[in-house]
Protein backbone atom coordinates (compact mmCIF):
# COMPACT_ATOMS: atom_id res chain seq x y z
CA MET A 1 8.18 18.06 16.22
CA GLU A 2 5.57 17.55 18.91
CA MET A 3 4.57 13.98 19.77
CA THR A 4 0.93 13.07 19.39
CA TYR A 5 -1.21 10.21 20.63
CA TYR A 6 -0.38 8.37 17.41
CA ASP A 7 3.35 8.40 18.16
CA HIS A 8 3.11 6.76 21.58
CA GLY A 9 3.66 3.11 22.27
CA THR A 10 5.67 0.28 20.85
CA ALA A 11 5.79 -0.48 17.16
CA ALA A 12 3.30 -3.29 17.75
CA GLU A 13 0.90 -0.96 19.55
CA ARG A 14 1.15 1.65 16.79
CA TRP A 15 0.63 -1.07 14.16
CA GLU A 16 -2.55 -2.21 15.91
CA ARG A 17 -3.75 1.39 16.29
CA ALA A 18 -3.15 2.01 12.57
CA ARG A 19 -5.04 -1.17 11.65
CA GLN A 20 -7.99 -0.07 13.79
CA PHE A 21 -8.14 3.31 12.07
CA PHE A 22 -7.83 1.63 8.67
CA GLU A 23 -10.66 -0.80 9.46
CA ALA A 24 -12.76 2.18 10.60
CA LYS A 25 -12.07 3.75 7.17
CA GLU A 26 -10.10 6.58 8.78
CA TYR A 27 -7.47 6.25 6.08
CA THR A 28 -5.73 9.59 6.61
CA THR A 29 -5.22 8.91 10.31
CA ALA A 30 -4.04 5.38 9.58
CA ALA A 31 -1.49 6.79 7.11
CA ASP A 32 -0.30 9.34 9.67
CA ILE A 33 0.48 6.49 12.05
CA LEU A 34 1.90 4.15 9.44
CA ALA A 35 4.29 6.52 7.63
CA PRO A 36 6.81 6.80 10.49
CA LEU A 37 6.29 3.14 11.38
CA ALA A 38 7.10 2.03 7.82
CA ASP A 39 10.27 4.14 7.94
CA GLU A 40 11.29 2.53 11.24
CA VAL A 41 11.11 -0.96 9.72
CA PRO A 42 11.93 -0.41 6.04
CA GLU A 43 12.64 -4.09 5.46
CA GLN A 44 9.08 -5.11 6.42
CA VAL A 45 6.45 -5.17 3.70
CA ALA A 46 3.26 -5.27 5.81
CA PRO A 47 3.36 -1.73 7.29
CA ARG A 48 4.28 -0.23 3.92
CA LEU A 49 1.53 -2.17 2.14
CA LEU A 50 -1.10 -0.99 4.61
CA LEU A 51 0.29 2.54 4.24
CA ALA A 52 -0.05 2.27 0.45
CA ARG A 53 -3.62 1.04 0.85
CA ALA A 54 -4.42 3.95 3.20
CA TYR A 55 -3.01 6.40 0.66
CA TYR A 56 -4.95 4.71 -2.16
CA HIS A 57 -8.26 4.84 -0.27
CA SER A 58 -7.70 8.48 0.70
CA ALA A 59 -6.98 9.34 -2.96
CA ARG A 60 -3.35 10.25 -2.33
CA LEU A 61 -2.38 8.29 -5.39
CA ARG A 62 1.16 9.59 -5.94
CA ARG A 63 2.04 8.64 -2.37
CA ALA A 64 0.43 5.23 -2.84
CA GLU A 65 2.45 4.73 -6.02
CA THR A 66 5.69 5.65 -4.24
CA GLU A 67 5.04 3.19 -1.42
CA LEU A 68 4.03 0.41 -3.80
CA ARG A 69 7.22 0.87 -5.80
CA LYS A 70 9.25 0.64 -2.56
CA ILE A 71 7.47 -2.62 -1.73
CA LEU A 72 8.22 -4.04 -5.16
CA GLU A 73 11.89 -3.14 -4.74
CA LEU A 74 11.87 -5.24 -1.56
CA ASP A 75 9.68 -8.04 -2.90
CA PRO A 76 9.25 -8.08 -6.71
CA VAL A 77 6.80 -10.99 -6.57
CA GLU A 78 4.37 -9.35 -4.11
CA SER A 79 1.32 -9.85 -6.32
CA TYR A 80 -1.06 -7.67 -4.30
CA ALA A 81 1.36 -4.74 -4.49
CA ARG A 82 1.55 -5.24 -8.28
CA LEU A 83 -2.26 -5.30 -8.50
CA MET A 84 -2.54 -2.16 -6.36
CA LEU A 85 0.15 -0.40 -8.39
CA GLY A 86 -1.75 -1.22 -11.57
CA ARG A 87 -5.01 0.10 -10.11
CA THR A 88 -3.28 3.18 -8.73
CA LEU A 89 -1.83 3.95 -12.14
CA GLU A 90 -5.25 3.40 -13.74
CA ARG A 91 -6.86 5.87 -11.32
CA GLN A 92 -4.24 8.41 -12.36
CA GLY A 93 -5.19 7.93 -16.03
CA ARG A 94 -2.00 5.99 -16.80
CA ALA A 95 -3.54 2.85 -18.30
CA THR A 96 -0.56 2.08 -20.53
CA GLU A 97 1.73 1.92 -17.48
CA ALA A 98 -0.89 0.01 -15.49
CA ALA A 99 -1.39 -2.82 -17.99
CA PRO A 100 1.93 -4.64 -17.46
CA GLN A 101 1.55 -4.39 -13.68
CA LEU A 102 -1.94 -5.89 -13.84
CA ARG A 103 -0.78 -8.68 -16.18
CA MET A 104 2.13 -9.50 -13.88
CA ALA A 105 -0.16 -9.53 -10.83
CA ALA A 106 -2.49 -11.94 -12.62
CA ALA A 107 0.41 -14.19 -13.63
CA LEU A 108 1.81 -14.19 -10.08
CA ASP A 109 -1.61 -15.27 -8.82
CA GLY A 110 -1.72 -18.07 -11.42
CA ASP A 111 -4.44 -16.33 -13.43
CA PHE A 112 -2.99 -17.03 -16.89
CA GLY A 113 -5.01 -15.66 -19.77
CA GLN A 114 -7.96 -14.36 -17.80
CA GLY A 115 -6.55 -10.93 -16.99
CA PRO A 116 -6.72 -9.21 -13.62
CA ARG A 117 -9.51 -10.05 -11.24
CA SER A 118 -12.03 -7.41 -10.36
CA GLU A 119 -12.75 -6.71 -6.72
């Protein structure tokens, strides 16, 4: 495989580059940078969470779901990942599967009885 601009630099430099592309709403490019980075540091949640968000915003919902489930295996009480998983499932028309994730996210955030917050 040929190296590209995105592959050069330290993990920290690639992380910063990915964040810049994400902030510029270049979600596909951000994901291209983040996917190998997340695999390099599988124990870290932050790169995988940003990767999941990039996939979500670029409508690659199955990929977002996969990454979010990996995050929740690492950190079952990561409330934002639960919220994103619920929303990802909703966007895929899987409301029944989404509901428990959204309830759990709300409970983890201390939002008892009010349901998930809207953004």
